[in-house]
Amino acid sequence: MIFITYYRWDHADGSPKLLVMHPITCCGGSDQVHEATQIFKIRTPFNWMI
């Protein structure tokens, strides 16, 4: 299973703050990414974790 981990960058010290780790299945992964992005209104970079 693949998890998508969103980070919010803290401008005070520059350290990444974990927002949410969202599981993504092999099927329809793009839709889930879009859904999670809409829910959390993420506009910052995110990292992929396997």
PDB file of N, CA and C in Angstrom:
ATOM      1  N   MET A   1       0.848  -1.192   0.000  1.00  0.00           N
ATOM      2  CA  MET A   1       0.000   0.000   0.000  1.00  0.00           C
ATOM      3  C   MET A   1       0.885   1.244   0.000  1.00  0.00           C
ATOM      4  N   ILE A   2       0.417   2.260  -0.666  1.00  0.00           N
ATOM      5  CA  ILE A   2       1.154   3.521  -0.753  1.00  0.00           C
ATOM      6  C   ILE A   2       0.464   4.557   0.115  1.00  0.00           C
ATOM      7  N   PHE A   3       1.266   5.321   0.833  1.00  0.00           N
ATOM      8  CA  PHE A   3       0.732   6.407   1.636  1.00  0.00           C
ATOM      9  C   PHE A   3       1.214   7.732   1.078  1.00  0.00           C
ATOM     10  N   ILE A   4       0.332   8.694   1.032  1.00  0.00           N
ATOM     11  CA  ILE A   4       0.740  10.040   0.637  1.00  0.00           C
ATOM     12  C   ILE A   4       0.777  10.891   1.902  1.00  0.00           C
ATOM     13  N   THR A   5       1.904  11.520   2.126  1.00  0.00           N
ATOM     14  CA  THR A   5       2.093  12.284   3.347  1.00  0.00           C
ATOM     15  C   THR A   5       2.194  13.764   3.011  1.00  0.00           C
ATOM     16  N   TYR A   6       1.299  14.553   3.555  1.00  0.00           N
ATOM     17  CA  TYR A   6       1.311  15.987   3.313  1.00  0.00           C
ATOM     18  C   TYR A   6       2.096  16.698   4.413  1.00  0.00           C
ATOM     19  N   TYR A   7       2.844  17.690   4.009  1.00  0.00           N
ATOM     20  CA  TYR A   7       3.584  18.490   4.989  1.00  0.00           C
ATOM     21  C   TYR A   7       3.225  19.964   4.848  1.00  0.00           C
ATOM     22  N   ARG A   8       3.170  20.641   5.977  1.00  0.00           N
ATOM     23  CA  ARG A   8       3.019  22.094   5.972  1.00  0.00           C
ATOM     24  C   ARG A   8       4.340  22.678   6.463  1.00  0.00           C
ATOM     25  N   TRP A   9       4.889  23.601   5.718  1.00  0.00           N
ATOM     26  CA  TRP A   9       6.185  24.151   6.103  1.00  0.00           C
ATOM     27  C   TRP A   9       6.006  25.279   7.097  1.00  0.00           C
ATOM     28  N   ASP A  10       6.655  25.127   8.259  1.00  0.00           N
ATOM     29  CA  ASP A  10       6.599  26.144   9.296  1.00  0.00           C
ATOM     30  C   ASP A  10       7.635  27.219   8.962  1.00  0.00           C
ATOM     31  N   HIS A  11       7.171  28.403   8.623  1.00  0.00           N
ATOM     32  CA  HIS A  11       8.081  29.458   8.177  1.00  0.00           C
ATOM     33  C   HIS A  11       8.946  29.994   9.317  1.00  0.00           C
ATOM     34  N   ALA A  12       8.557  29.723  10.545  1.00  0.00           N
ATOM     35  CA  ALA A  12       9.312  30.217  11.691  1.00  0.00           C
ATOM     36  C   ALA A  12      10.684  29.550  11.782  1.00  0.00           C
ATOM     37  N   ASP A  13      10.698  28.225  11.666  1.00  0.00           N
ATOM     38  CA  ASP A  13      11.974  27.524  11.796  1.00  0.00           C
ATOM     39  C   ASP A  13      12.315  26.683  10.568  1.00  0.00           C
ATOM     40  N   GLY A  14      11.394  26.661   9.589  1.00  0.00           N
ATOM     41  CA  GLY A  14      11.661  25.948   8.351  1.00  0.00           C
ATOM     42  C   GLY A  14      11.493  24.445   8.437  1.00  0.00           C
ATOM     43  N   SER A  15      10.953  23.955   9.547  1.00  0.00           N
ATOM     44  CA  SER A  15      10.777  22.509   9.695  1.00  0.00           C
ATOM     45  C   SER A  15       9.408  22.082   9.185  1.00  0.00           C
ATOM     46  N   PRO A  16       9.340  20.930   8.542  1.00  0.00           N
ATOM     47  CA  PRO A  16       8.064  20.441   8.033  1.00  0.00           C
ATOM     48  C   PRO A  16       7.175  19.914   9.159  1.00  0.00           C
ATOM     49  N   LYS A  17       5.901  20.239   9.071  1.00  0.00           N
ATOM     50  CA  LYS A  17       4.944  19.753  10.055  1.00  0.00           C
ATOM     51  C   LYS A  17       4.014  18.748   9.370  1.00  0.00           C
ATOM     52  N   LEU A  18       3.915  17.568   9.942  1.00  0.00           N
ATOM     53  CA  LEU A  18       3.078  16.534   9.352  1.00  0.00           C
ATOM     54  C   LEU A  18       1.604  16.904   9.484  1.00  0.00           C
ATOM     55  N   LEU A  19       0.884  16.866   8.379  1.00  0.00           N
ATOM     56  CA  LEU A  19      -0.545  17.149   8.411  1.00  0.00           C
ATOM     57  C   LEU A  19      -1.358  15.859   8.447  1.00  0.00           C
ATOM     58  N   VAL A  20      -1.152  15.012   7.448  1.00  0.00           N
ATOM     59  CA  VAL A  20      -1.955  13.796   7.379  1.00  0.00           C
ATOM     60  C   VAL A  20      -1.228  12.749   6.547  1.00  0.00           C
ATOM     61  N   MET A  21      -1.374  11.500   6.924  1.00  0.00           N
ATOM     62  CA  MET A  21      -0.871  10.411   6.103  1.00  0.00           C
ATOM     63  C   MET A  21      -2.077   9.692   5.523  1.00  0.00           C
ATOM     64  N   HIS A  22      -2.221   9.770   4.207  1.00  0.00           N
ATOM     65  CA  HIS A  22      -3.421   9.289   3.544  1.00  0.00           C
ATOM     66  C   HIS A  22      -3.114   8.036   2.733  1.00  0.00           C
ATOM     67  N   PRO A  23      -3.750   6.911   3.029  1.00  0.00           N
ATOM     68  CA  PRO A  23      -3.508   5.685   2.284  1.00  0.00           C
ATOM     69  C   PRO A  23      -4.092   5.753   0.874  1.00  0.00           C
ATOM     70  N   ILE A  24      -3.363   5.209  -0.083  1.00  0.00           N
ATOM     71  CA  ILE A  24      -3.822   5.201  -1.469  1.00  0.00           C
ATOM     72  C   ILE A  24      -3.723   3.782  -2.010  1.00  0.00           C
ATOM     73  N   THR A  25      -4.813   3.290  -2.534  1.00  0.00           N
ATOM     74  CA  THR A  25      -4.809   1.953  -3.109  1.00  0.00           C
ATOM     75  C   THR A  25      -4.282   2.008  -4.533  1.00  0.00           C
ATOM     76  N   CYS A  26      -3.983   0.851  -5.094  1.00  0.00           N
ATOM     77  CA  CYS A  26      -3.399   0.805  -6.428  1.00  0.00           C
ATOM     78  C   CYS A  26      -4.414   1.234  -7.482  1.00  0.00           C
ATOM     79  N   CYS A  27      -5.680   1.077  -7.177  1.00  0.00           N
ATOM     80  CA  CYS A  27      -6.730   1.421  -8.147  1.00  0.00           C
ATOM     81  C   CYS A  27      -7.370   2.751  -7.787  1.00  0.00           C
ATOM     82  N   GLY A  28      -7.422   3.660  -8.740  1.00  0.00           N
ATOM     83  CA  GLY A  28      -8.057   4.949  -8.504  1.00  0.00           C
ATOM     84  C   GLY A  28      -7.242   5.836  -7.586  1.00  0.00           C
ATOM     85  N   GLY A  29      -5.934   5.668  -7.594  1.00  0.00           N
ATOM     86  CA  GLY A  29      -5.078   6.451  -6.711  1.00  0.00           C
ATOM     87  C   GLY A  29      -5.170   7.943  -6.983  1.00  0.00           C
ATOM     88  N   SER A  30      -5.209   8.305  -8.254  1.00  0.00           N
ATOM     89  CA  SER A  30      -5.254   9.721  -8.608  1.00  0.00           C
ATOM     90  C   SER A  30      -6.503  10.385  -8.060  1.00  0.00           C
ATOM     91  N   ASP A  31      -7.623   9.674  -8.106  1.00  0.00           N
ATOM     92  CA  ASP A  31      -8.871  10.215  -7.583  1.00  0.00           C
ATOM     93  C   ASP A  31      -8.770  10.451  -6.086  1.00  0.00           C
ATOM     94  N   GLN A  32      -8.112   9.517  -5.380  1.00  0.00           N
ATOM     95  CA  GLN A  32      -7.976   9.657  -3.936  1.00  0.00           C
ATOM     96  C   GLN A  32      -7.062  10.821  -3.587  1.00  0.00           C
ATOM     97  N   VAL A  33      -6.009  10.999  -4.375  1.00  0.00           N
ATOM     98  CA  VAL A  33      -5.108  12.133  -4.145  1.00  0.00           C
ATOM     99  C   VAL A  33      -5.881  13.434  -4.315  1.00  0.00           C
ATOM    100  N   HIS A  34      -6.671  13.506  -5.381  1.00  0.00           N
ATOM    101  CA  HIS A  34      -7.461  14.708  -5.654  1.00  0.00           C
ATOM    102  C   HIS A  34      -8.455  14.957  -4.518  1.00  0.00           C
ATOM    103  N   GLU A  35      -9.108  13.894  -4.070  1.00  0.00           N
ATOM    104  CA  GLU A  35     -10.095  14.011  -2.999  1.00  0.00           C
ATOM    105  C   GLU A  35      -9.447  14.516  -1.718  1.00  0.00           C
ATOM    106  N   ALA A  36      -8.310  13.922  -1.360  1.00  0.00           N
ATOM    107  CA  ALA A  36      -7.611  14.322  -0.133  1.00  0.00           C
ATOM    108  C   ALA A  36      -7.162  15.781  -0.236  1.00  0.00           C
ATOM    109  N   THR A  37      -6.698  16.164  -1.422  1.00  0.00           N
ATOM    110  CA  THR A  37      -6.233  17.537  -1.622  1.00  0.00           C
ATOM    111  C   THR A  37      -7.382  18.519  -1.459  1.00  0.00           C
ATOM    112  N   GLN A  38      -8.547  18.152  -1.985  1.00  0.00           N
ATOM    113  CA  GLN A  38      -9.715  19.018  -1.856  1.00  0.00           C
ATOM    114  C   GLN A  38     -10.159  19.134  -0.404  1.00  0.00           C
ATOM    115  N   ILE A  39     -10.124  18.022   0.308  1.00  0.00           N
ATOM    116  CA  ILE A  39     -10.569  18.008   1.701  1.00  0.00           C
ATOM    117  C   ILE A  39      -9.676  18.887   2.568  1.00  0.00           C
ATOM    118  N   PHE A  40      -8.371  18.718   2.409  1.00  0.00           N
ATOM    119  CA  PHE A  40      -7.445  19.421   3.293  1.00  0.00           C
ATOM    120  C   PHE A  40      -6.949  20.737   2.698  1.00  0.00           C
ATOM    121  N   LYS A  41      -7.351  21.020   1.449  1.00  0.00           N
ATOM    122  CA  LYS A  41      -6.952  22.272   0.797  1.00  0.00           C
ATOM    123  C   LYS A  41      -5.442  22.452   0.815  1.00  0.00           C
ATOM    124  N   ILE A  42      -4.747  21.389   0.456  1.00  0.00           N
ATOM    125  CA  ILE A  42      -3.292  21.423   0.484  1.00  0.00           C
ATOM    126  C   ILE A  42      -2.762  22.200  -0.721  1.00  0.00           C
ATOM    127  N   ARG A  43      -1.899  23.164  -0.441  1.00  0.00           N
ATOM    128  CA  ARG A  43      -1.263  23.914  -1.527  1.00  0.00           C
ATOM    129  C   ARG A  43       0.251  23.861  -1.382  1.00  0.00           C
ATOM    130  N   THR A  44       0.714  22.974  -0.494  1.00  0.00           N
ATOM    131  CA  THR A  44       2.146  22.865  -0.243  1.00  0.00           C
ATOM    132  C   THR A  44       2.665  21.535  -0.764  1.00  0.00           C
ATOM    133  N   PRO A  45       3.967  21.383  -0.895  1.00  0.00           N
ATOM    134  CA  PRO A  45       4.539  20.138  -1.412  1.00  0.00           C
ATOM    135  C   PRO A  45       4.208  18.945  -0.522  1.00  0.00           C
ATOM    136  N   PHE A  46       4.188  17.773  -1.128  1.00  0.00           N
ATOM    137  CA  PHE A  46       3.973  16.565  -0.356  1.00  0.00           C
ATOM    138  C   PHE A  46       4.977  15.509  -0.794  1.00  0.00           C
ATOM    139  N   ASN A  47       5.209  14.539   0.065  1.00  0.00           N
ATOM    140  CA  ASN A  47       6.173  13.483  -0.209  1.00  0.00           C
ATOM    141  C   ASN A  47       5.459  12.147  -0.331  1.00  0.00           C
ATOM    142  N   TRP A  48       5.963  11.302  -1.227  1.00  0.00           N
ATOM    143  CA  TRP A  48       5.413   9.968  -1.381  1.00  0.00           C
ATOM    144  C   TRP A  48       6.160   9.003  -0.486  1.00  0.00           C
ATOM    145  N   MET A  49       5.411   8.144   0.211  1.00  0.00           N
ATOM    146  CA  MET A  49       6.006   7.111   1.036  1.00  0.00           C
ATOM    147  C   MET A  49       5.447   5.763   0.614  1.00  0.00           C
ATOM    148  N   ILE A  50       6.314   4.770   0.467  1.00  0.00           N
ATOM    149  CA  ILE A  50       5.866   3.429   0.089  1.00  0.00           C
ATOM    150  C   ILE A  50       6.084   2.499   1.279  1.00  0.00           C
TER     151      ILE A  50
END
